[in-house]
Amino acid sequence: MYSAREQQNNQRFDELAQTLHQFRNTVDNDIHGSIQQENSMIDMLGDNFSQLMTSVKRTSGDLRNVMTRNASLTRVVITILIAFVVIWTLYKLL
């Protein structure tokens, strides 16, 4: 009787160990998959940010070139922008 009880306990311990092993594998795989996905997303965001910074630098350089070539046009555009901001601010305040 004692031997049968011990075998039954051993069998249940083995089943529990197997269940825990499967659980650990599942959790490890889920965590690993999530980490891989997040790393890919971070890499993609880094690439997109780098491309954005390159575009901003190129555009700001082009704008600087246009502004230095057409100084009178630049003054007119800046004056119009300032007038627009002042009028818009006054409109919002009233």
PDB file of N, CA and C in Angstrom:
ATOM      1  N   MET A   1       0.815  -1.176   0.000  1.00  0.00           N
ATOM      2  CA  MET A   1       0.000   0.000   0.000  1.00  0.00           C
ATOM      3  C   MET A   1       0.875   1.262   0.000  1.00  0.00           C
ATOM      4  N   TYR A   2       1.904   1.266   0.827  1.00  0.00           N
ATOM      5  CA  TYR A   2       2.807   2.413   0.884  1.00  0.00           C
ATOM      6  C   TYR A   2       3.524   2.580  -0.446  1.00  0.00           C
ATOM      7  N   SER A   3       3.913   1.489  -1.068  1.00  0.00           N
ATOM      8  CA  SER A   3       4.613   1.522  -2.342  1.00  0.00           C
ATOM      9  C   SER A   3       3.706   2.079  -3.449  1.00  0.00           C
ATOM     10  N   ALA A   4       2.448   1.693  -3.453  1.00  0.00           N
ATOM     11  CA  ALA A   4       1.498   2.190  -4.457  1.00  0.00           C
ATOM     12  C   ALA A   4       1.289   3.693  -4.283  1.00  0.00           C
ATOM     13  N   ARG A   5       1.206   4.140  -3.041  1.00  0.00           N
ATOM     14  CA  ARG A   5       1.017   5.569  -2.753  1.00  0.00           C
ATOM     15  C   ARG A   5       2.249   6.361  -3.215  1.00  0.00           C
ATOM     16  N   GLU A   6       3.429   5.798  -2.974  1.00  0.00           N
ATOM     17  CA  GLU A   6       4.659   6.462  -3.380  1.00  0.00           C
ATOM     18  C   GLU A   6       4.758   6.543  -4.902  1.00  0.00           C
ATOM     19  N   GLN A   7       4.387   5.489  -5.593  1.00  0.00           N
ATOM     20  CA  GLN A   7       4.396   5.508  -7.057  1.00  0.00           C
ATOM     21  C   GLN A   7       3.406   6.541  -7.596  1.00  0.00           C
ATOM     22  N   GLN A   8       2.258   6.603  -6.948  1.00  0.00           N
ATOM     23  CA  GLN A   8       1.254   7.571  -7.368  1.00  0.00           C
ATOM     24  C   GLN A   8       1.774   9.011  -7.162  1.00  0.00           C
ATOM     25  N   ASN A   9       2.410   9.249  -6.031  1.00  0.00           N
ATOM     26  CA  ASN A   9       2.996  10.566  -5.774  1.00  0.00           C
ATOM     27  C   ASN A   9       4.103  10.890  -6.779  1.00  0.00           C
ATOM     28  N   ASN A  10       4.949   9.905  -7.058  1.00  0.00           N
ATOM     29  CA  ASN A  10       6.023  10.112  -8.036  1.00  0.00           C
ATOM     30  C   ASN A  10       5.456  10.438  -9.421  1.00  0.00           C
ATOM     31  N   GLN A  11       4.397   9.724  -9.782  1.00  0.00           N
ATOM     32  CA  GLN A  11       3.761   9.975 -11.080  1.00  0.00           C
ATOM     33  C   GLN A  11       3.190  11.396 -11.123  1.00  0.00           C
ATOM     34  N   ARG A  12       2.559  11.815 -10.053  1.00  0.00           N
ATOM     35  CA  ARG A  12       1.998  13.174 -10.008  1.00  0.00           C
ATOM     36  C   ARG A  12       3.113  14.228 -10.021  1.00  0.00           C
ATOM     37  N   PHE A  13       4.208  13.965  -9.320  1.00  0.00           N
ATOM     38  CA  PHE A  13       5.342  14.890  -9.362  1.00  0.00           C
ATOM     39  C   PHE A  13       5.915  14.992 -10.771  1.00  0.00           C
ATOM     40  N   ASP A  14       6.016  13.847 -11.457  1.00  0.00           N
ATOM     41  CA  ASP A  14       6.501  13.859 -12.836  1.00  0.00           C
ATOM     42  C   ASP A  14       5.565  14.655 -13.743  1.00  0.00           C
ATOM     43  N   GLU A  15       4.256  14.475 -13.555  1.00  0.00           N
ATOM     44  CA  GLU A  15       3.280  15.227 -14.347  1.00  0.00           C
ATOM     45  C   GLU A  15       3.389  16.724 -14.059  1.00  0.00           C
ATOM     46  N   LEU A  16       3.557  17.060 -12.785  1.00  0.00           N
ATOM     47  CA  LEU A  16       3.710  18.462 -12.406  1.00  0.00           C
ATOM     48  C   LEU A  16       4.988  19.049 -13.004  1.00  0.00           C
ATOM     49  N   ALA A  17       6.074  18.283 -12.963  1.00  0.00           N
ATOM     50  CA  ALA A  17       7.339  18.743 -13.535  1.00  0.00           C
ATOM     51  C   ALA A  17       7.198  18.952 -15.038  1.00  0.00           C
ATOM     52  N   GLN A  18       6.513  18.046 -15.704  1.00  0.00           N
ATOM     53  CA  GLN A  18       6.303  18.182 -17.144  1.00  0.00           C
ATOM     54  C   GLN A  18       5.424  19.407 -17.454  1.00  0.00           C
ATOM     55  N   THR A  19       4.379  19.617 -16.663  1.00  0.00           N
ATOM     56  CA  THR A  19       3.508  20.780 -16.848  1.00  0.00           C
ATOM     57  C   THR A  19       4.281  22.073 -16.632  1.00  0.00           C
ATOM     58  N   LEU A  20       5.107  22.110 -15.579  1.00  0.00           N
ATOM     59  CA  LEU A  20       5.935  23.293 -15.325  1.00  0.00           C
ATOM     60  C   LEU A  20       6.927  23.542 -16.457  1.00  0.00           C
ATOM     61  N   HIS A  21       7.500  22.470 -16.989  1.00  0.00           N
ATOM     62  CA  HIS A  21       8.436  22.597 -18.099  1.00  0.00           C
ATOM     63  C   HIS A  21       7.728  23.180 -19.327  1.00  0.00           C
ATOM     64  N   GLN A  22       6.545  22.680 -19.627  1.00  0.00           N
ATOM     65  CA  GLN A  22       5.777  23.207 -20.762  1.00  0.00           C
ATOM     66  C   GLN A  22       5.407  24.673 -20.530  1.00  0.00           C
ATOM     67  N   PHE A  23       5.019  24.999 -19.306  1.00  0.00           N
ATOM     68  CA  PHE A  23       4.664  26.376 -18.966  1.00  0.00           C
ATOM     69  C   PHE A  23       5.860  27.302 -19.152  1.00  0.00           C
ATOM     70  N   ARG A  24       7.018  26.875 -18.661  1.00  0.00           N
ATOM     71  CA  ARG A  24       8.232  27.686 -18.811  1.00  0.00           C
ATOM     72  C   ARG A  24       8.576  27.890 -20.279  1.00  0.00           C
ATOM     73  N   ASN A  25       8.487  26.820 -21.062  1.00  0.00           N
ATOM     74  CA  ASN A  25       8.781  26.936 -22.492  1.00  0.00           C
ATOM     75  C   ASN A  25       7.821  27.901 -23.179  1.00  0.00           C
ATOM     76  N   THR A  26       6.544  27.788 -22.837  1.00  0.00           N
ATOM     77  CA  THR A  26       5.548  28.683 -23.433  1.00  0.00           C
ATOM     78  C   THR A  26       5.827  30.127 -23.059  1.00  0.00           C
ATOM     79  N   VAL A  27       6.084  30.380 -21.778  1.00  0.00           N
ATOM     80  CA  VAL A  27       6.365  31.744 -21.324  1.00  0.00           C
ATOM     81  C   VAL A  27       7.644  32.264 -21.970  1.00  0.00           C
ATOM     82  N   ASP A  28       8.684  31.443 -22.017  1.00  0.00           N
ATOM     83  CA  ASP A  28       9.945  31.864 -22.643  1.00  0.00           C
ATOM     84  C   ASP A  28       9.741  32.200 -24.113  1.00  0.00           C
ATOM     85  N   ASN A  29       9.001  31.359 -24.821  1.00  0.00           N
ATOM     86  CA  ASN A  29       8.746  31.610 -26.242  1.00  0.00           C
ATOM     87  C   ASN A  29       7.928  32.886 -26.434  1.00  0.00           C
ATOM     88  N   ASP A  30       6.918  33.095 -25.590  1.00  0.00           N
ATOM     89  CA  ASP A  30       6.106  34.310 -25.694  1.00  0.00           C
ATOM     90  C   ASP A  30       6.943  35.551 -25.423  1.00  0.00           C
ATOM     91  N   ILE A  31       7.757  35.499 -24.378  1.00  0.00           N
ATOM     92  CA  ILE A  31       8.604  36.641 -24.042  1.00  0.00           C
ATOM     93  C   ILE A  31       9.621  36.882 -25.149  1.00  0.00           C
ATOM     94  N   HIS A  32      10.234  35.817 -25.627  1.00  0.00           N
ATOM     95  CA  HIS A  32      11.230  35.949 -26.692  1.00  0.00           C
ATOM     96  C   HIS A  32      10.595  36.553 -27.952  1.00  0.00           C
ATOM     97  N   GLY A  33       9.405  36.070 -28.308  1.00  0.00           N
ATOM     98  CA  GLY A  33       8.709  36.606 -29.483  1.00  0.00           C
ATOM     99  C   GLY A  33       8.365  38.072 -29.315  1.00  0.00           C
ATOM    100  N   SER A  34       7.904  38.436 -28.130  1.00  0.00           N
ATOM    101  CA  SER A  34       7.563  39.842 -27.874  1.00  0.00           C
ATOM    102  C   SER A  34       8.799  40.728 -27.943  1.00  0.00           C
ATOM    103  N   ILE A  35       9.879  40.262 -27.380  1.00  0.00           N
ATOM    104  CA  ILE A  35      11.121  41.040 -27.399  1.00  0.00           C
ATOM    105  C   ILE A  35      11.624  41.207 -28.832  1.00  0.00           C
ATOM    106  N   GLN A  36      11.566  40.148 -29.617  1.00  0.00           N
ATOM    107  CA  GLN A  36      11.998  40.235 -31.014  1.00  0.00           C
ATOM    108  C   GLN A  36      11.141  41.237 -31.781  1.00  0.00           C
ATOM    109  N   GLN A  37       9.822  41.195 -31.550  1.00  0.00           N
ATOM    110  CA  GLN A  37       8.911  42.106 -32.231  1.00  0.00           C
ATOM    111  C   GLN A  37       9.187  43.552 -31.818  1.00  0.00           C
ATOM    112  N   GLU A  38       9.391  43.780 -30.522  1.00  0.00           N
ATOM    113  CA  GLU A  38       9.680  45.132 -30.041  1.00  0.00           C
ATOM    114  C   GLU A  38      11.016  45.637 -30.563  1.00  0.00           C
ATOM    115  N   ASN A  39      12.016  44.764 -30.626  1.00  0.00           N
ATOM    116  CA  ASN A  39      13.316  45.171 -31.174  1.00  0.00           C
ATOM    117  C   ASN A  39      13.198  45.552 -32.643  1.00  0.00           C
ATOM    118  N   SER A  40      12.414  44.790 -33.397  1.00  0.00           N
ATOM    119  CA  SER A  40      12.201  45.116 -34.805  1.00  0.00           C
ATOM    120  C   SER A  40      11.514  46.466 -34.941  1.00  0.00           C
ATOM    121  N   MET A  41      10.520  46.720 -34.085  1.00  0.00           N
ATOM    122  CA  MET A  41       9.800  47.983 -34.135  1.00  0.00           C
ATOM    123  C   MET A  41      10.725  49.145 -33.775  1.00  0.00           C
ATOM    124  N   ILE A  42      11.570  48.957 -32.774  1.00  0.00           N
ATOM    125  CA  ILE A  42      12.518  50.001 -32.377  1.00  0.00           C
ATOM    126  C   ILE A  42      13.508  50.280 -33.505  1.00  0.00           C
ATOM    127  N   ASP A  43      13.994  49.227 -34.156  1.00  0.00           N
ATOM    128  CA  ASP A  43      14.911  49.414 -35.289  1.00  0.00           C
ATOM    129  C   ASP A  43      14.230  50.184 -36.416  1.00  0.00           C
ATOM    130  N   MET A  44      12.981  49.831 -36.707  1.00  0.00           N
ATOM    131  CA  MET A  44      12.231  50.497 -37.764  1.00  0.00           C
ATOM    132  C   MET A  44      12.010  51.971 -37.414  1.00  0.00           C
ATOM    133  N   LEU A  45      11.656  52.242 -36.149  1.00  0.00           N
ATOM    134  CA  LEU A  45      11.462  53.630 -35.727  1.00  0.00           C
ATOM    135  C   LEU A  45      12.768  54.420 -35.813  1.00  0.00           C
ATOM    136  N   GLY A  46      13.864  53.783 -35.446  1.00  0.00           N
ATOM    137  CA  GLY A  46      15.164  54.445 -35.549  1.00  0.00           C
ATOM    138  C   GLY A  46      15.505  54.785 -36.994  1.00  0.00           C
ATOM    139  N   ASP A  47      15.234  53.855 -37.906  1.00  0.00           N
ATOM    140  CA  ASP A  47      15.485  54.111 -39.327  1.00  0.00           C
ATOM    141  C   ASP A  47      14.599  55.238 -39.837  1.00  0.00           C
ATOM    142  N   ASN A  48      13.310  55.203 -39.459  1.00  0.00           N
ATOM    143  CA  ASN A  48      12.385  56.252 -39.895  1.00  0.00           C
ATOM    144  C   ASN A  48      12.798  57.612 -39.347  1.00  0.00           C
ATOM    145  N   PHE A  49      13.235  57.651 -38.083  1.00  0.00           N
ATOM    146  CA  PHE A  49      13.670  58.906 -37.489  1.00  0.00           C
ATOM    147  C   PHE A  49      14.913  59.428 -38.199  1.00  0.00           C
ATOM    148  N   SER A  50      15.808  58.541 -38.540  1.00  0.00           N
ATOM    149  CA  SER A  50      17.024  58.944 -39.252  1.00  0.00           C
ATOM    150  C   SER A  50      16.672  59.530 -40.623  1.00  0.00           C
ATOM    151  N   GLN A  51      15.752  58.872 -41.329  1.00  0.00           N
ATOM    152  CA  GLN A  51      15.312  59.390 -42.626  1.00  0.00           C
ATOM    153  C   GLN A  51      14.631  60.747 -42.472  1.00  0.00           C
ATOM    154  N   LEU A  52      13.829  60.896 -41.420  1.00  0.00           N
ATOM    155  CA  LEU A  52      13.160  62.171 -41.162  1.00  0.00           C
ATOM    156  C   LEU A  52      14.179  63.275 -40.903  1.00  0.00           C
ATOM    157  N   MET A  53      15.184  62.983 -40.094  1.00  0.00           N
ATOM    158  CA  MET A  53      16.211  63.983 -39.794  1.00  0.00           C
ATOM    159  C   MET A  53      16.970  64.375 -41.064  1.00  0.00           C
ATOM    160  N   THR A  54      17.252  63.424 -41.922  1.00  0.00           N
ATOM    161  CA  THR A  54      17.931  63.718 -43.180  1.00  0.00           C
ATOM    162  C   THR A  54      17.069  64.631 -44.048  1.00  0.00           C
ATOM    163  N   SER A  55      15.775  64.338 -44.108  1.00  0.00           N
ATOM    164  CA  SER A  55      14.857  65.168 -44.900  1.00  0.00           C
ATOM    165  C   SER A  55      14.753  66.577 -44.329  1.00  0.00           C
ATOM    166  N   VAL A  56      14.691  66.680 -43.011  1.00  0.00           N
ATOM    167  CA  VAL A  56      14.598  68.001 -42.379  1.00  0.00           C
ATOM    168  C   VAL A  56      15.873  68.806 -42.653  1.00  0.00           C
ATOM    169  N   LYS A  57      17.015  68.167 -42.545  1.00  0.00           N
ATOM    170  CA  LYS A  57      18.279  68.876 -42.813  1.00  0.00           C
ATOM    171  C   LYS A  57      18.341  69.343 -44.264  1.00  0.00           C
ATOM    172  N   ARG A  58      17.919  68.483 -45.181  1.00  0.00           N
ATOM    173  CA  ARG A  58      17.957  68.842 -46.597  1.00  0.00           C
ATOM    174  C   ARG A  58      16.979  69.993 -46.882  1.00  0.00           C
ATOM    175  N   THR A  59      15.772  69.883 -46.308  1.00  0.00           N
ATOM    176  CA  THR A  59      14.774  70.929 -46.532  1.00  0.00           C
ATOM    177  C   THR A  59      15.197  72.253 -45.919  1.00  0.00           C
ATOM    178  N   SER A  60      15.751  72.208 -44.712  1.00  0.00           N
ATOM    179  CA  SER A  60      16.199  73.459 -44.086  1.00  0.00           C
ATOM    180  C   SER A  60      17.349  74.077 -44.877  1.00  0.00           C
ATOM    181  N   GLY A  61      18.214  73.259 -45.435  1.00  0.00           N
ATOM    182  CA  GLY A  61      19.295  73.771 -46.289  1.00  0.00           C
ATOM    183  C   GLY A  61      18.747  74.417 -47.552  1.00  0.00           C
ATOM    184  N   ASP A  62      17.750  73.767 -48.167  1.00  0.00           N
ATOM    185  CA  ASP A  62      17.118  74.351 -49.354  1.00  0.00           C
ATOM    186  C   ASP A  62      16.433  75.674 -49.013  1.00  0.00           C
ATOM    187  N   LEU A  63      15.750  75.729 -47.877  1.00  0.00           N
ATOM    188  CA  LEU A  63      15.083  76.953 -47.451  1.00  0.00           C
ATOM    189  C   LEU A  63      16.100  78.069 -47.208  1.00  0.00           C
ATOM    190  N   ARG A  64      17.197  77.726 -46.573  1.00  0.00           N
ATOM    191  CA  ARG A  64      18.249  78.707 -46.315  1.00  0.00           C
ATOM    192  C   ARG A  64      18.802  79.258 -47.634  1.00  0.00           C
ATOM    193  N   ASN A  65      18.996  78.375 -48.620  1.00  0.00           N
ATOM    194  CA  ASN A  65      19.495  78.824 -49.926  1.00  0.00           C
ATOM    195  C   ASN A  65      18.511  79.768 -50.606  1.00  0.00           C
ATOM    196  N   VAL A  66      17.234  79.427 -50.562  1.00  0.00           N
ATOM    197  CA  VAL A  66      16.220  80.276 -51.187  1.00  0.00           C
ATOM    198  C   VAL A  66      16.152  81.617 -50.486  1.00  0.00           C
ATOM    199  N   MET A  67      16.223  81.605 -49.162  1.00  0.00           N
ATOM    200  CA  MET A  67      16.135  82.852 -48.406  1.00  0.00           C
ATOM    201  C   MET A  67      17.327  83.767 -48.670  1.00  0.00           C
ATOM    202  N   THR A  68      18.511  83.206 -48.825  1.00  0.00           N
ATOM    203  CA  THR A  68      19.690  84.049 -49.077  1.00  0.00           C
ATOM    204  C   THR A  68      19.689  84.579 -50.504  1.00  0.00           C
ATOM    205  N   ARG A  69      19.138  83.838 -51.445  1.00  0.00           N
ATOM    206  CA  ARG A  69      19.094  84.292 -52.835  1.00  0.00           C
ATOM    207  C   ARG A  69      18.050  85.381 -53.043  1.00  0.00           C
ATOM    208  N   ASN A  70      16.930  85.275 -52.344  1.00  0.00           N
ATOM    209  CA  ASN A  70      15.816  86.213 -52.531  1.00  0.00           C
ATOM    210  C   ASN A  70      15.536  86.948 -51.222  1.00  0.00           C
ATOM    211  N   ALA A  71      16.418  87.834 -50.857  1.00  0.00           N
ATOM    212  CA  ALA A  71      16.297  88.533 -49.570  1.00  0.00           C
ATOM    213  C   ALA A  71      15.042  89.389 -49.509  1.00  0.00           C
ATOM    214  N   SER A  72      14.688  90.046 -50.595  1.00  0.00           N
ATOM    215  CA  SER A  72      13.496  90.910 -50.568  1.00  0.00           C
ATOM    216  C   SER A  72      12.226  90.070 -50.443  1.00  0.00           C
ATOM    217  N   LEU A  73      12.179  88.955 -51.138  1.00  0.00           N
ATOM    218  CA  LEU A  73      11.020  88.067 -51.032  1.00  0.00           C
ATOM    219  C   LEU A  73      10.924  87.481 -49.625  1.00  0.00           C
ATOM    220  N   THR A  74      12.048  87.191 -49.033  1.00  0.00           N
ATOM    221  CA  THR A  74      12.074  86.661 -47.670  1.00  0.00           C
ATOM    222  C   THR A  74      11.494  87.672 -46.692  1.00  0.00           C
ATOM    223  N   ARG A  75      11.864  88.952 -46.845  1.00  0.00           N
ATOM    224  CA  ARG A  75      11.316  89.989 -45.964  1.00  0.00           C
ATOM    225  C   ARG A  75       9.808  90.101 -46.114  1.00  0.00           C
ATOM    226  N   VAL A  76       9.311  90.012 -47.337  1.00  0.00           N
ATOM    227  CA  VAL A  76       7.864  90.096 -47.577  1.00  0.00           C
ATOM    228  C   VAL A  76       7.150  88.921 -46.924  1.00  0.00           C
ATOM    229  N   VAL A  77       7.687  87.716 -47.095  1.00  0.00           N
ATOM    230  CA  VAL A  77       7.059  86.518 -46.520  1.00  0.00           C
ATOM    231  C   VAL A  77       7.068  86.592 -45.003  1.00  0.00           C
ATOM    232  N   ILE A  78       8.169  87.009 -44.407  1.00  0.00           N
ATOM    233  CA  ILE A  78       8.251  87.118 -42.946  1.00  0.00           C
ATOM    234  C   ILE A  78       7.269  88.164 -42.441  1.00  0.00           C
ATOM    235  N   THR A  79       7.154  89.289 -43.149  1.00  0.00           N
ATOM    236  CA  THR A  79       6.211  90.335 -42.750  1.00  0.00           C
ATOM    237  C   THR A  79       4.770  89.811 -42.803  1.00  0.00           C
ATOM    238  N   ILE A  80       4.440  89.077 -43.859  1.00  0.00           N
ATOM    239  CA  ILE A  80       3.088  88.506 -43.980  1.00  0.00           C
ATOM    240  C   ILE A  80       2.835  87.496 -42.863  1.00  0.00           C
ATOM    241  N   LEU A  81       3.802  86.659 -42.554  1.00  0.00           N
ATOM    242  CA  LEU A  81       3.635  85.679 -41.484  1.00  0.00           C
ATOM    243  C   LEU A  81       3.444  86.349 -40.131  1.00  0.00           C
ATOM    244  N   ILE A  82       4.228  87.377 -39.864  1.00  0.00           N
ATOM    245  CA  ILE A  82       4.092  88.088 -38.586  1.00  0.00           C
ATOM    246  C   ILE A  82       2.723  88.756 -38.505  1.00  0.00           C
ATOM    247  N   ALA A  83       2.288  89.372 -39.596  1.00  0.00           N
ATOM    248  CA  ALA A  83       0.965  90.011 -39.607  1.00  0.00           C
ATOM    249  C   ALA A  83      -0.130  88.975 -39.375  1.00  0.00           C
ATOM    250  N   PHE A  84       0.007  87.826 -40.010  1.00  0.00           N
ATOM    251  CA  PHE A  84      -0.989  86.763 -39.816  1.00  0.00           C
ATOM    252  C   PHE A  84      -1.038  86.312 -38.360  1.00  0.00           C
ATOM    253  N   VAL A  85       0.110  86.114 -37.739  1.00  0.00           N
ATOM    254  CA  VAL A  85       0.154  85.660 -36.347  1.00  0.00           C
ATOM    255  C   VAL A  85      -0.453  86.717 -35.429  1.00  0.00           C
ATOM    256  N   VAL A  86      -0.143  87.996 -35.677  1.00  0.00           N
ATOM    257  CA  VAL A  86      -0.700  89.066 -34.845  1.00  0.00           C
ATOM    258  C   VAL A  86      -2.214  89.126 -34.998  1.00  0.00           C
ATOM    259  N   ILE A  87      -2.703  89.092 -36.231  1.00  0.00           N
ATOM    260  CA  ILE A  87      -4.154  89.137 -36.467  1.00  0.00           C
ATOM    261  C   ILE A  87      -4.841  87.924 -35.863  1.00  0.00           C
ATOM    262  N   TRP A  88      -4.253  86.748 -36.029  1.00  0.00           N
ATOM    263  CA  TRP A  88      -4.851  85.524 -35.483  1.00  0.00           C
ATOM    264  C   TRP A  88      -4.901  85.582 -33.954  1.00  0.00           C
ATOM    265  N   THR A  89      -3.821  86.085 -33.342  1.00  0.00           N
ATOM    266  CA  THR A  89      -3.776  86.208 -31.867  1.00  0.00           C
ATOM    267  C   THR A  89      -4.835  87.196 -31.379  1.00  0.00           C
ATOM    268  N   LEU A  90      -4.956  88.343 -32.068  1.00  0.00           N
ATOM    269  CA  LEU A  90      -5.983  89.313 -31.699  1.00  0.00           C
ATOM    270  C   LEU A  90      -7.383  88.735 -31.860  1.00  0.00           C
ATOM    271  N   TYR A  91      -7.607  87.979 -32.916  1.00  0.00           N
ATOM    272  CA  TYR A  91      -8.902  87.348 -33.168  1.00  0.00           C
ATOM    273  C   TYR A  91      -9.236  86.349 -32.045  1.00  0.00           C
ATOM    274  N   LYS A  92      -8.249  85.574 -31.627  1.00  0.00           N
ATOM    275  CA  LYS A  92      -8.475  84.587 -30.545  1.00  0.00           C
ATOM    276  C   LYS A  92      -8.710  85.268 -29.209  1.00  0.00           C
ATOM    277  N   LEU A  93      -8.090  86.396 -28.963  1.00  0.00           N
ATOM    278  CA  LEU A  93      -8.258  87.104 -27.691  1.00  0.00           C
ATOM    279  C   LEU A  93      -9.626  87.765 -27.593  1.00  0.00           C
ATOM    280  N   LEU A  94     -10.163  88.183 -28.707  1.00  0.00           N
ATOM    281  CA  LEU A  94     -11.458  88.860 -28.692  1.00  0.00           C
ATOM    282  C   LEU A  94     -12.505  87.836 -28.838  1.00  0.00           C
TER     283      LEU A  94
END
